[in-house]
């Protein structure tokens, strides 16, 4: 009985490329987001604070229901 499944050697190159591509996409989105937020910092910090407060309030309501 085989418990641990391993990746076939031919397939591992494709998986590594897919992982690298995903990391590159995350880095690109992060850079674009940083640029946008830094260009409109005063406006965005207010909006981010408002969103944060909404999430905190929602989490507190969920804890209250338990």
PDB file of N, CA and C in Angstrom:
ATOM      1  N   UNK A   1       0.848  -1.185   0.000  1.00  0.00           N
ATOM      2  CA  UNK A   1       0.000   0.000   0.000  1.00  0.00           C
ATOM      3  C   UNK A   1       0.890   1.245   0.000  1.00  0.00           C
ATOM      4  N   UNK A   2       0.670   2.123  -0.960  1.00  0.00           N
ATOM      5  CA  UNK A   2       1.468   3.340  -1.067  1.00  0.00           C
ATOM      6  C   UNK A   2       0.730   4.493  -0.403  1.00  0.00           C
ATOM      7  N   UNK A   3       1.361   5.124   0.564  1.00  0.00           N
ATOM      8  CA  UNK A   3       0.731   6.210   1.305  1.00  0.00           C
ATOM      9  C   UNK A   3       1.157   7.564   0.760  1.00  0.00           C
ATOM     10  N   UNK A   4       2.423   7.724   0.451  1.00  0.00           N
ATOM     11  CA  UNK A   4       2.950   8.998  -0.020  1.00  0.00           C
ATOM     12  C   UNK A   4       2.973   9.014  -1.543  1.00  0.00           C
ATOM     13  N   UNK A   5       2.356  10.034  -2.117  1.00  0.00           N
ATOM     14  CA  UNK A   5       2.353  10.192  -3.567  1.00  0.00           C
ATOM     15  C   UNK A   5       3.446  11.176  -3.957  1.00  0.00           C
ATOM     16  N   UNK A   6       4.212  10.836  -4.956  1.00  0.00           N
ATOM     17  CA  UNK A   6       5.276  11.724  -5.418  1.00  0.00           C
ATOM     18  C   UNK A   6       4.994  12.166  -6.841  1.00  0.00           C
ATOM     19  N   UNK A   7       5.610  13.256  -7.220  1.00  0.00           N
ATOM     20  CA  UNK A   7       5.459  13.800  -8.570  1.00  0.00           C
ATOM     21  C   UNK A   7       6.424  13.073  -9.490  1.00  0.00           C
ATOM     22  N   UNK A   8       5.965  12.771 -10.679  1.00  0.00           N
ATOM     23  CA  UNK A   8       6.842  12.140 -11.664  1.00  0.00           C
ATOM     24  C   UNK A   8       7.911  13.140 -12.107  1.00  0.00           C
ATOM     25  N   UNK A   9       9.130  12.692 -12.345  1.00  0.00           N
ATOM     26  CA  UNK A   9      10.224  13.609 -12.714  1.00  0.00           C
ATOM     27  C   UNK A   9       9.922  14.477 -13.932  1.00  0.00           C
ATOM     28  N   UNK A  10       9.251  13.933 -14.952  1.00  0.00           N
ATOM     29  CA  UNK A  10       8.945  14.738 -16.148  1.00  0.00           C
ATOM     30  C   UNK A  10       7.990  15.874 -15.820  1.00  0.00           C
ATOM     31  N   UNK A  11       7.138  15.661 -14.853  1.00  0.00           N
ATOM     32  CA  UNK A  11       6.121  16.644 -14.510  1.00  0.00           C
ATOM     33  C   UNK A  11       6.671  17.746 -13.597  1.00  0.00           C
ATOM     34  N   UNK A  12       7.726  17.461 -12.878  1.00  0.00           N
ATOM     35  CA  UNK A  12       8.223  18.414 -11.884  1.00  0.00           C
ATOM     36  C   UNK A  12       8.695  19.722 -12.516  1.00  0.00           C
ATOM     37  N   UNK A  13       9.253  19.694 -13.714  1.00  0.00           N
ATOM     38  CA  UNK A  13       9.682  20.928 -14.380  1.00  0.00           C
ATOM     39  C   UNK A  13       8.497  21.841 -14.656  1.00  0.00           C
ATOM     40  N   UNK A  14       7.374  21.247 -15.062  1.00  0.00           N
ATOM     41  CA  UNK A  14       6.178  22.042 -15.352  1.00  0.00           C
ATOM     42  C   UNK A  14       5.600  22.633 -14.077  1.00  0.00           C
ATOM     43  N   UNK A  15       5.633  21.863 -13.006  1.00  0.00           N
ATOM     44  CA  UNK A  15       5.116  22.368 -11.735  1.00  0.00           C
ATOM     45  C   UNK A  15       5.975  23.523 -11.225  1.00  0.00           C
ATOM     46  N   UNK A  16       7.277  23.402 -11.382  1.00  0.00           N
ATOM     47  CA  UNK A  16       8.178  24.460 -10.939  1.00  0.00           C
ATOM     48  C   UNK A  16       7.930  25.740 -11.740  1.00  0.00           C
ATOM     49  N   UNK A  17       7.711  25.602 -13.035  1.00  0.00           N
ATOM     50  CA  UNK A  17       7.429  26.766 -13.879  1.00  0.00           C
ATOM     51  C   UNK A  17       6.103  27.408 -13.484  1.00  0.00           C
ATOM     52  N   UNK A  18       5.110  26.588 -13.180  1.00  0.00           N
ATOM     53  CA  UNK A  18       3.808  27.119 -12.774  1.00  0.00           C
ATOM     54  C   UNK A  18       3.925  27.864 -11.444  1.00  0.00           C
ATOM     55  N   UNK A  19       4.699  27.320 -10.524  1.00  0.00           N
ATOM     56  CA  UNK A  19       4.903  27.987  -9.238  1.00  0.00           C
ATOM     57  C   UNK A  19       5.618  29.314  -9.433  1.00  0.00           C
ATOM     58  N   UNK A  20       6.641  29.325 -10.270  1.00  0.00           N
ATOM     59  CA  UNK A  20       7.377  30.566 -10.539  1.00  0.00           C
ATOM     60  C   UNK A  20       6.468  31.605 -11.187  1.00  0.00           C
ATOM     61  N   UNK A  21       5.602  31.173 -12.083  1.00  0.00           N
ATOM     62  CA  UNK A  21       4.672  32.083 -12.741  1.00  0.00           C
ATOM     63  C   UNK A  21       3.708  32.693 -11.728  1.00  0.00           C
ATOM     64  N   UNK A  22       3.183  31.878 -10.827  1.00  0.00           N
ATOM     65  CA  UNK A  22       2.276  32.403  -9.803  1.00  0.00           C
ATOM     66  C   UNK A  22       2.972  33.420  -8.904  1.00  0.00           C
ATOM     67  N   UNK A  23       4.197  33.119  -8.516  1.00  0.00           N
ATOM     68  CA  UNK A  23       4.942  34.067  -7.687  1.00  0.00           C
ATOM     69  C   UNK A  23       5.187  35.375  -8.432  1.00  0.00           C
ATOM     70  N   UNK A  24       5.499  35.290  -9.703  1.00  0.00           N
ATOM     71  CA  UNK A  24       5.707  36.499 -10.504  1.00  0.00           C
ATOM     72  C   UNK A  24       4.416  37.320 -10.601  1.00  0.00           C
ATOM     73  N   UNK A  25       3.290  36.643 -10.744  1.00  0.00           N
ATOM     74  CA  UNK A  25       2.004  37.343 -10.811  1.00  0.00           C
ATOM     75  C   UNK A  25       1.697  38.035  -9.487  1.00  0.00           C
ATOM     76  N   UNK A  26       1.943  37.347  -8.370  1.00  0.00           N
ATOM     77  CA  UNK A  26       1.708  37.956  -7.064  1.00  0.00           C
ATOM     78  C   UNK A  26       2.589  39.184  -6.864  1.00  0.00           C
ATOM     79  N   UNK A  27       3.840  39.086  -7.300  1.00  0.00           N
ATOM     80  CA  UNK A  27       4.755  40.215  -7.159  1.00  0.00           C
ATOM     81  C   UNK A  27       4.317  41.389  -8.031  1.00  0.00           C
ATOM     82  N   UNK A  28       3.825  41.116  -9.230  1.00  0.00           N
ATOM     83  CA  UNK A  28       3.350  42.180 -10.117  1.00  0.00           C
ATOM     84  C   UNK A  28       2.131  42.876  -9.524  1.00  0.00           C
ATOM     85  N   UNK A  29       1.180  42.103  -9.017  1.00  0.00           N
ATOM     86  CA  UNK A  29      -0.020  42.682  -8.406  1.00  0.00           C
ATOM     87  C   UNK A  29       0.361  43.486  -7.172  1.00  0.00           C
ATOM     88  N   UNK A  30       1.291  42.976  -6.389  1.00  0.00           N
ATOM     89  CA  UNK A  30       1.751  43.686  -5.200  1.00  0.00           C
ATOM     90  C   UNK A  30       2.382  45.021  -5.583  1.00  0.00           C
ATOM     91  N   UNK A  31       3.207  45.027  -6.618  1.00  0.00           N
ATOM     92  CA  UNK A  31       3.864  46.262  -7.060  1.00  0.00           C
ATOM     93  C   UNK A  31       2.855  47.280  -7.571  1.00  0.00           C
ATOM     94  N   UNK A  32       1.883  46.820  -8.342  1.00  0.00           N
ATOM     95  CA  UNK A  32       0.851  47.720  -8.867  1.00  0.00           C
ATOM     96  C   UNK A  32       0.010  48.288  -7.731  1.00  0.00           C
ATOM     97  N   UNK A  33      -0.354  47.437  -6.778  1.00  0.00           N
ATOM     98  CA  UNK A  33      -1.147  47.892  -5.630  1.00  0.00           C
ATOM     99  C   UNK A  33      -0.370  48.916  -4.815  1.00  0.00           C
ATOM    100  N   UNK A  34       0.905  48.643  -4.580  1.00  0.00           N
ATOM    101  CA  UNK A  34       1.741  49.580  -3.819  1.00  0.00           C
ATOM    102  C   UNK A  34       1.824  50.928  -4.533  1.00  0.00           C
ATOM    103  N   UNK A  35       2.023  50.896  -5.833  1.00  0.00           N
ATOM    104  CA  UNK A  35       2.099  52.138  -6.610  1.00  0.00           C
ATOM    105  C   UNK A  35       0.800  52.934  -6.482  1.00  0.00           C
ATOM    106  N   UNK A  36      -0.331  52.252  -6.641  1.00  0.00           N
ATOM    107  CA  UNK A  36      -1.627  52.936  -6.574  1.00  0.00           C
ATOM    108  C   UNK A  36      -1.849  53.542  -5.198  1.00  0.00           C
ATOM    109  N   UNK A  37      -1.595  52.764  -4.153  1.00  0.00           N
ATOM    110  CA  UNK A  37      -1.813  53.261  -2.796  1.00  0.00           C
ATOM    111  C   UNK A  37      -0.876  54.422  -2.490  1.00  0.00           C
ATOM    112  N   UNK A  38       0.370  54.340  -2.927  1.00  0.00           N
ATOM    113  CA  UNK A  38       1.315  55.412  -2.629  1.00  0.00           C
ATOM    114  C   UNK A  38       0.987  56.703  -3.383  1.00  0.00           C
ATOM    115  N   UNK A  39       0.371  56.606  -4.548  1.00  0.00           N
ATOM    116  CA  UNK A  39       0.010  57.799  -5.312  1.00  0.00           C
ATOM    117  C   UNK A  39      -1.167  58.541  -4.675  1.00  0.00           C
ATOM    118  N   UNK A  40      -2.028  57.821  -4.009  1.00  0.00           N
ATOM    119  CA  UNK A  40      -3.227  58.414  -3.389  1.00  0.00           C
ATOM    120  C   UNK A  40      -3.253  58.065  -1.903  1.00  0.00           C
ATOM    121  N   UNK A  41      -2.141  58.272  -1.216  1.00  0.00           N
ATOM    122  CA  UNK A  41      -1.976  57.754   0.144  1.00  0.00           C
ATOM    123  C   UNK A  41      -3.037  58.273   1.103  1.00  0.00           C
ATOM    124  N   UNK A  42      -3.261  59.567   1.122  1.00  0.00           N
ATOM    125  CA  UNK A  42      -4.184  60.152   2.101  1.00  0.00           C
ATOM    126  C   UNK A  42      -5.591  59.599   1.910  1.00  0.00           C
ATOM    127  N   UNK A  43      -6.047  59.543   0.679  1.00  0.00           N
ATOM    128  CA  UNK A  43      -7.374  58.997   0.399  1.00  0.00           C
ATOM    129  C   UNK A  43      -7.437  57.514   0.743  1.00  0.00           C
ATOM    130  N   UNK A  44      -6.430  56.751   0.317  1.00  0.00           N
ATOM    131  CA  UNK A  44      -6.460  55.302   0.512  1.00  0.00           C
ATOM    132  C   UNK A  44      -6.304  54.886   1.963  1.00  0.00           C
ATOM    133  N   UNK A  45      -5.535  55.626   2.749  1.00  0.00           N
ATOM    134  CA  UNK A  45      -5.378  55.257   4.151  1.00  0.00           C
ATOM    135  C   UNK A  45      -6.709  55.401   4.879  1.00  0.00           C
ATOM    136  N   UNK A  46      -7.492  56.396   4.487  1.00  0.00           N
ATOM    137  CA  UNK A  46      -8.830  56.550   5.072  1.00  0.00           C
ATOM    138  C   UNK A  46      -9.745  55.400   4.687  1.00  0.00           C
ATOM    139  N   UNK A  47      -9.702  55.033   3.412  1.00  0.00           N
ATOM    140  CA  UNK A  47     -10.545  53.922   2.951  1.00  0.00           C
ATOM    141  C   UNK A  47     -10.112  52.603   3.566  1.00  0.00           C
ATOM    142  N   UNK A  48      -8.807  52.382   3.691  1.00  0.00           N
ATOM    143  CA  UNK A  48      -8.317  51.152   4.311  1.00  0.00           C
ATOM    144  C   UNK A  48      -8.691  51.092   5.790  1.00  0.00           C
ATOM    145  N   UNK A  49      -8.620  52.217   6.468  1.00  0.00           N
ATOM    146  CA  UNK A  49      -9.009  52.261   7.884  1.00  0.00           C
ATOM    147  C   UNK A  49     -10.498  51.961   8.041  1.00  0.00           C
ATOM    148  N   UNK A  50     -11.288  52.515   7.146  1.00  0.00           N
ATOM    149  CA  UNK A  50     -12.737  52.270   7.189  1.00  0.00           C
ATOM    150  C   UNK A  50     -13.031  50.793   6.951  1.00  0.00           C
ATOM    151  N   UNK A  51     -12.375  50.179   5.970  1.00  0.00           N
ATOM    152  CA  UNK A  51     -12.558  48.757   5.696  1.00  0.00           C
ATOM    153  C   UNK A  51     -12.116  47.913   6.881  1.00  0.00           C
ATOM    154  N   UNK A  52     -10.984  48.287   7.486  1.00  0.00           N
ATOM    155  CA  UNK A  52     -10.478  47.554   8.651  1.00  0.00           C
ATOM    156  C   UNK A  52     -11.498  47.602   9.786  1.00  0.00           C
ATOM    157  N   UNK A  53     -12.055  48.763  10.047  1.00  0.00           N
ATOM    158  CA  UNK A  53     -13.038  48.907  11.122  1.00  0.00           C
ATOM    159  C   UNK A  53     -14.289  48.077  10.847  1.00  0.00           C
ATOM    160  N   UNK A  54     -14.713  48.005   9.604  1.00  0.00           N
ATOM    161  CA  UNK A  54     -15.879  47.192   9.241  1.00  0.00           C
ATOM    162  C   UNK A  54     -15.590  45.713   9.505  1.00  0.00           C
ATOM    163  N   UNK A  55     -14.391  45.249   9.135  1.00  0.00           N
ATOM    164  CA  UNK A  55     -14.028  43.845   9.353  1.00  0.00           C
ATOM    165  C   UNK A  55     -13.940  43.538  10.842  1.00  0.00           C
ATOM    166  N   UNK A  56     -13.352  44.437  11.620  1.00  0.00           N
ATOM    167  CA  UNK A  56     -13.256  44.235  13.074  1.00  0.00           C
ATOM    168  C   UNK A  56     -14.650  44.158  13.689  1.00  0.00           C
ATOM    169  N   UNK A  57     -15.524  45.044  13.277  1.00  0.00           N
ATOM    170  CA  UNK A  57     -16.898  45.033  13.795  1.00  0.00           C
ATOM    171  C   UNK A  57     -17.592  43.721  13.435  1.00  0.00           C
ATOM    172  N   UNK A  58     -17.405  43.260  12.208  1.00  0.00           N
ATOM    173  CA  UNK A  58     -18.024  42.008  11.768  1.00  0.00           C
ATOM    174  C   UNK A  58     -17.491  40.824  12.574  1.00  0.00           C
ATOM    175  N   UNK A  59     -16.167  40.790  12.794  1.00  0.00           N
ATOM    176  CA  UNK A  59     -15.577  39.702  13.579  1.00  0.00           C
ATOM    177  C   UNK A  59     -16.086  39.719  15.011  1.00  0.00           C
ATOM    178  N   UNK A  60     -16.237  40.902  15.575  1.00  0.00           N
ATOM    179  CA  UNK A  60     -16.768  41.007  16.939  1.00  0.00           C
ATOM    180  C   UNK A  60     -18.201  40.504  17.016  1.00  0.00           C
ATOM    181  N   UNK A  61     -18.988  40.794  15.999  1.00  0.00           N
ATOM    182  CA  UNK A  61     -20.370  40.296  15.963  1.00  0.00           C
ATOM    183  C   UNK A  61     -20.399  38.777  15.849  1.00  0.00           C
ATOM    184  N   UNK A  62     -19.462  38.195  15.088  1.00  0.00           N
ATOM    185  CA  UNK A  62     -19.402  36.743  14.970  1.00  0.00           C
ATOM    186  C   UNK A  62     -19.029  36.107  16.303  1.00  0.00           C
ATOM    187  N   UNK A  63     -18.091  36.704  17.024  1.00  0.00           N
ATOM    188  CA  UNK A  63     -17.695  36.182  18.329  1.00  0.00           C
ATOM    189  C   UNK A  63     -18.837  36.315  19.339  1.00  0.00           C
ATOM    190  N   UNK A  64     -19.627  37.353  19.205  1.00  0.00           N
ATOM    191  CA  UNK A  64     -20.749  37.571  20.107  1.00  0.00           C
ATOM    192  C   UNK A  64     -21.803  36.481  19.930  1.00  0.00           C
ATOM    193  N   UNK A  65     -21.974  35.993  18.704  1.00  0.00           N
ATOM    194  CA  UNK A  65     -22.992  34.981  18.401  1.00  0.00           C
ATOM    195  C   UNK A  65     -22.640  33.600  18.935  1.00  0.00           C
ATOM    196  N   UNK A  66     -21.365  33.362  19.246  1.00  0.00           N
ATOM    197  CA  UNK A  66     -20.951  32.018  19.687  1.00  0.00           C
ATOM    198  C   UNK A  66     -21.403  31.693  21.075  1.00  0.00           C
TER     199      UNK A  66
END
